[in-house]
């Protein structure tokens, strides 16, 4: 069994309206030291597979086919054995 943390974020250059709104709210609450906020998604999945190579291939497929929009989002992941 493997645990995979998948991180999906907007690509650089893609406007992050939610991140900008959050940054403005933080600034208005007195957190002026925050210079940039980017909002993304973090998913944790458990997957059965014999090898880490298989896990990597399956996670790549999941992200490319469903979890991330390749036009505006990048993804990365971290795999741990359980």
N, C-alpha and C. Protein backbone atom coordinates (compact mmCIF):
# COMPACT_ATOMS: atom_id res chain seq x y z
N UNK A 1 0.85 -1.18 0.00
CA UNK A 1 0.00 0.00 0.00
C UNK A 1 0.90 1.23 0.00
N UNK A 2 0.47 2.22 -0.75
CA UNK A 2 1.22 3.46 -0.90
C UNK A 2 0.32 4.64 -0.56
N UNK A 3 0.92 5.68 -0.02
CA UNK A 3 0.23 6.94 0.23
C UNK A 3 0.81 7.97 -0.74
N UNK A 4 -0.07 8.68 -1.42
CA UNK A 4 0.39 9.68 -2.39
C UNK A 4 -0.26 11.02 -2.07
N UNK A 5 0.56 12.04 -1.90
CA UNK A 5 0.09 13.42 -1.78
C UNK A 5 0.26 14.07 -3.14
N UNK A 6 -0.84 14.55 -3.69
CA UNK A 6 -0.83 15.19 -5.00
C UNK A 6 -1.10 16.68 -4.80
N UNK A 7 -0.24 17.51 -5.38
CA UNK A 7 -0.36 18.96 -5.27
C UNK A 7 -0.67 19.54 -6.65
N UNK A 8 -1.77 20.26 -6.76
CA UNK A 8 -2.18 20.85 -8.03
C UNK A 8 -2.28 22.36 -7.84
N UNK A 9 -1.55 23.10 -8.67
CA UNK A 9 -1.51 24.55 -8.58
C UNK A 9 -1.65 25.17 -9.95
N UNK A 10 -2.14 26.41 -9.96
CA UNK A 10 -2.19 27.14 -11.22
C UNK A 10 -0.78 27.39 -11.72
N UNK A 11 -0.62 27.35 -13.03
CA UNK A 11 0.68 27.63 -13.63
C UNK A 11 1.05 29.09 -13.39
N UNK A 12 2.35 29.35 -13.37
CA UNK A 12 2.82 30.73 -13.28
C UNK A 12 2.24 31.52 -14.44
N UNK A 13 1.81 32.72 -14.18
CA UNK A 13 1.24 33.55 -15.23
C UNK A 13 -0.26 33.44 -15.35
N UNK A 14 -0.86 32.42 -14.73
CA UNK A 14 -2.32 32.28 -14.73
C UNK A 14 -2.86 33.07 -13.54
N UNK A 15 -3.79 33.97 -13.81
CA UNK A 15 -4.37 34.80 -12.75
C UNK A 15 -5.04 33.93 -11.70
N UNK A 16 -4.68 34.15 -10.46
CA UNK A 16 -5.28 33.43 -9.33
C UNK A 16 -6.14 34.42 -8.55
N UNK A 17 -7.38 34.61 -8.98
CA UNK A 17 -8.27 35.58 -8.35
C UNK A 17 -8.54 35.23 -6.89
N UNK A 18 -8.70 33.97 -6.60
CA UNK A 18 -8.96 33.55 -5.21
C UNK A 18 -7.73 33.83 -4.34
N UNK A 19 -6.55 33.58 -4.88
CA UNK A 19 -5.33 33.87 -4.14
C UNK A 19 -5.17 35.36 -3.88
N UNK A 20 -5.47 36.18 -4.90
CA UNK A 20 -5.38 37.63 -4.74
C UNK A 20 -6.37 38.14 -3.70
N UNK A 21 -7.59 37.61 -3.72
CA UNK A 21 -8.59 38.02 -2.73
C UNK A 21 -8.15 37.62 -1.32
N UNK A 22 -7.57 36.44 -1.19
CA UNK A 22 -7.09 35.99 0.12
C UNK A 22 -5.95 36.86 0.60
N UNK A 23 -5.04 37.21 -0.31
CA UNK A 23 -3.92 38.08 0.06
C UNK A 23 -4.44 39.43 0.53
N UNK A 24 -5.40 40.01 -0.18
CA UNK A 24 -5.97 41.29 0.22
C UNK A 24 -6.63 41.20 1.59
N UNK A 25 -7.35 40.11 1.84
CA UNK A 25 -8.00 39.92 3.14
C UNK A 25 -6.96 39.80 4.25
N UNK A 26 -5.89 39.05 3.99
CA UNK A 26 -4.83 38.92 4.98
C UNK A 26 -4.19 40.27 5.28
N UNK A 27 -3.96 41.05 4.23
CA UNK A 27 -3.37 42.38 4.41
C UNK A 27 -4.29 43.26 5.25
N UNK A 28 -5.58 43.21 4.98
CA UNK A 28 -6.52 44.04 5.75
C UNK A 28 -6.63 43.59 7.21
N UNK A 29 -6.26 42.36 7.49
CA UNK A 29 -6.25 41.85 8.86
C UNK A 29 -4.91 42.07 9.56
N UNK A 30 -4.00 42.77 8.90
CA UNK A 30 -2.74 43.10 9.53
C UNK A 30 -1.58 42.19 9.18
N UNK A 31 -1.75 41.34 8.19
CA UNK A 31 -0.67 40.45 7.77
C UNK A 31 -0.01 40.99 6.51
N UNK A 32 0.51 42.20 6.59
CA UNK A 32 1.10 42.88 5.45
C UNK A 32 2.37 42.24 4.92
N UNK A 33 2.98 41.38 5.72
CA UNK A 33 4.22 40.72 5.28
C UNK A 33 3.95 39.65 4.22
N UNK A 34 2.70 39.24 4.06
CA UNK A 34 2.35 38.25 3.04
C UNK A 34 2.35 38.94 1.68
N UNK A 35 3.22 38.52 0.79
CA UNK A 35 3.40 39.19 -0.50
C UNK A 35 2.72 38.47 -1.65
N UNK A 36 2.41 37.19 -1.50
CA UNK A 36 1.72 36.47 -2.56
C UNK A 36 1.01 35.26 -1.97
N UNK A 37 -0.20 35.02 -2.45
CA UNK A 37 -0.96 33.83 -2.08
C UNK A 37 -1.41 33.16 -3.37
N UNK A 38 -1.14 31.88 -3.49
CA UNK A 38 -1.62 31.07 -4.62
C UNK A 38 -2.44 29.94 -4.02
N UNK A 39 -3.65 29.78 -4.50
CA UNK A 39 -4.54 28.75 -3.99
C UNK A 39 -4.41 27.52 -4.89
N UNK A 40 -4.30 26.36 -4.28
CA UNK A 40 -4.21 25.12 -5.03
C UNK A 40 -5.00 24.02 -4.34
N UNK A 41 -4.77 22.81 -4.79
CA UNK A 41 -5.45 21.65 -4.22
C UNK A 41 -4.40 20.65 -3.76
N UNK A 42 -4.70 19.98 -2.67
CA UNK A 42 -3.86 18.89 -2.18
C UNK A 42 -4.76 17.68 -1.97
N UNK A 43 -4.43 16.60 -2.61
CA UNK A 43 -5.20 15.36 -2.47
C UNK A 43 -4.30 14.31 -1.86
N UNK A 44 -4.87 13.49 -1.00
CA UNK A 44 -4.14 12.35 -0.45
C UNK A 44 -4.89 11.10 -0.84
N UNK A 45 -4.20 10.22 -1.54
CA UNK A 45 -4.83 8.96 -1.94
C UNK A 45 -4.00 7.79 -1.44
N UNK A 46 -4.67 6.70 -1.20
CA UNK A 46 -4.02 5.44 -0.87
C UNK A 46 -4.21 4.53 -2.07
N UNK A 47 -3.16 3.87 -2.48
CA UNK A 47 -3.22 3.05 -3.69
C UNK A 47 -2.48 1.74 -3.48
N UNK A 48 -3.07 0.67 -3.98
CA UNK A 48 -2.44 -0.65 -3.95
C UNK A 48 -1.66 -0.84 -5.24
N UNK A 49 -0.40 -1.17 -5.12
CA UNK A 49 0.43 -1.46 -6.30
C UNK A 49 1.67 -2.22 -5.83
N UNK A 50 2.25 -2.97 -6.75
CA UNK A 50 3.42 -3.78 -6.39
C UNK A 50 4.70 -2.96 -6.31
N UNK A 51 4.81 -1.93 -7.18
CA UNK A 51 6.05 -1.15 -7.21
C UNK A 51 5.75 0.34 -7.24
N UNK A 52 6.76 1.11 -6.84
CA UNK A 52 6.63 2.57 -6.88
C UNK A 52 6.50 3.06 -8.32
N UNK A 53 7.14 2.37 -9.25
CA UNK A 53 7.05 2.74 -10.66
C UNK A 53 5.59 2.68 -11.14
N UNK A 54 4.88 1.64 -10.74
CA UNK A 54 3.47 1.50 -11.12
C UNK A 54 2.64 2.62 -10.49
N UNK A 55 2.91 2.92 -9.22
CA UNK A 55 2.20 4.01 -8.55
C UNK A 55 2.42 5.31 -9.31
N UNK A 56 3.67 5.59 -9.65
CA UNK A 56 4.01 6.83 -10.37
C UNK A 56 3.24 6.90 -11.69
N UNK A 57 3.21 5.81 -12.44
CA UNK A 57 2.50 5.80 -13.72
C UNK A 57 1.01 6.04 -13.54
N UNK A 58 0.42 5.40 -12.54
CA UNK A 58 -1.02 5.55 -12.29
C UNK A 58 -1.36 6.97 -11.85
N UNK A 59 -0.53 7.54 -10.98
CA UNK A 59 -0.77 8.91 -10.50
C UNK A 59 -0.64 9.90 -11.66
N UNK A 60 0.37 9.73 -12.49
CA UNK A 60 0.52 10.59 -13.67
C UNK A 60 -0.73 10.52 -14.54
N UNK A 61 -1.23 9.31 -14.78
CA UNK A 61 -2.44 9.14 -15.59
C UNK A 61 -3.64 9.82 -14.95
N UNK A 62 -3.81 9.64 -13.63
CA UNK A 62 -4.93 10.27 -12.92
C UNK A 62 -4.91 11.79 -13.07
N UNK A 63 -3.72 12.35 -12.89
CA UNK A 63 -3.59 13.80 -12.96
C UNK A 63 -3.83 14.32 -14.37
N UNK A 64 -3.28 13.64 -15.36
CA UNK A 64 -3.43 14.09 -16.75
C UNK A 64 -4.85 13.90 -17.27
N UNK A 65 -5.54 12.85 -16.81
CA UNK A 65 -6.87 12.55 -17.34
C UNK A 65 -8.01 13.21 -16.57
N UNK A 66 -7.80 13.51 -15.28
CA UNK A 66 -8.93 14.00 -14.49
C UNK A 66 -8.57 15.10 -13.49
N UNK A 67 -7.56 14.89 -12.70
CA UNK A 67 -7.35 15.74 -11.53
C UNK A 67 -6.84 17.14 -11.85
N UNK A 68 -6.01 17.28 -12.88
CA UNK A 68 -5.44 18.59 -13.22
C UNK A 68 -5.85 18.99 -14.63
N UNK A 69 -6.04 20.27 -14.81
CA UNK A 69 -6.30 20.82 -16.14
C UNK A 69 -4.95 21.22 -16.73
N UNK A 70 -4.43 20.48 -17.70
CA UNK A 70 -3.07 20.73 -18.20
C UNK A 70 -2.89 22.09 -18.86
N UNK A 71 -3.97 22.75 -19.22
CA UNK A 71 -3.87 24.07 -19.85
C UNK A 71 -3.48 25.13 -18.82
N UNK A 72 -4.02 25.03 -17.60
CA UNK A 72 -3.79 26.08 -16.62
C UNK A 72 -3.16 25.60 -15.31
N UNK A 73 -2.99 24.29 -15.14
CA UNK A 73 -2.49 23.77 -13.87
C UNK A 73 -1.27 22.87 -14.05
N UNK A 74 -0.40 22.92 -13.06
CA UNK A 74 0.73 22.00 -12.94
C UNK A 74 0.44 21.09 -11.75
N UNK A 75 1.09 19.93 -11.74
CA UNK A 75 0.93 19.04 -10.59
C UNK A 75 2.28 18.44 -10.21
N UNK A 76 2.37 18.09 -8.95
CA UNK A 76 3.51 17.34 -8.44
C UNK A 76 2.95 16.38 -7.39
N UNK A 77 3.78 15.44 -6.96
CA UNK A 77 3.29 14.47 -5.99
C UNK A 77 4.45 13.89 -5.20
N UNK A 78 4.10 13.35 -4.05
CA UNK A 78 5.06 12.70 -3.17
C UNK A 78 4.50 11.33 -2.83
N UNK A 79 5.31 10.30 -3.01
CA UNK A 79 4.88 8.93 -2.77
C UNK A 79 5.60 8.37 -1.54
N UNK A 80 4.82 7.74 -0.66
CA UNK A 80 5.40 7.08 0.52
C UNK A 80 4.82 5.68 0.63
N UNK A 81 5.64 4.75 1.02
CA UNK A 81 5.17 3.38 1.24
C UNK A 81 4.55 3.32 2.64
N UNK A 82 3.48 2.58 2.75
CA UNK A 82 2.82 2.41 4.07
C UNK A 82 3.21 1.07 4.67
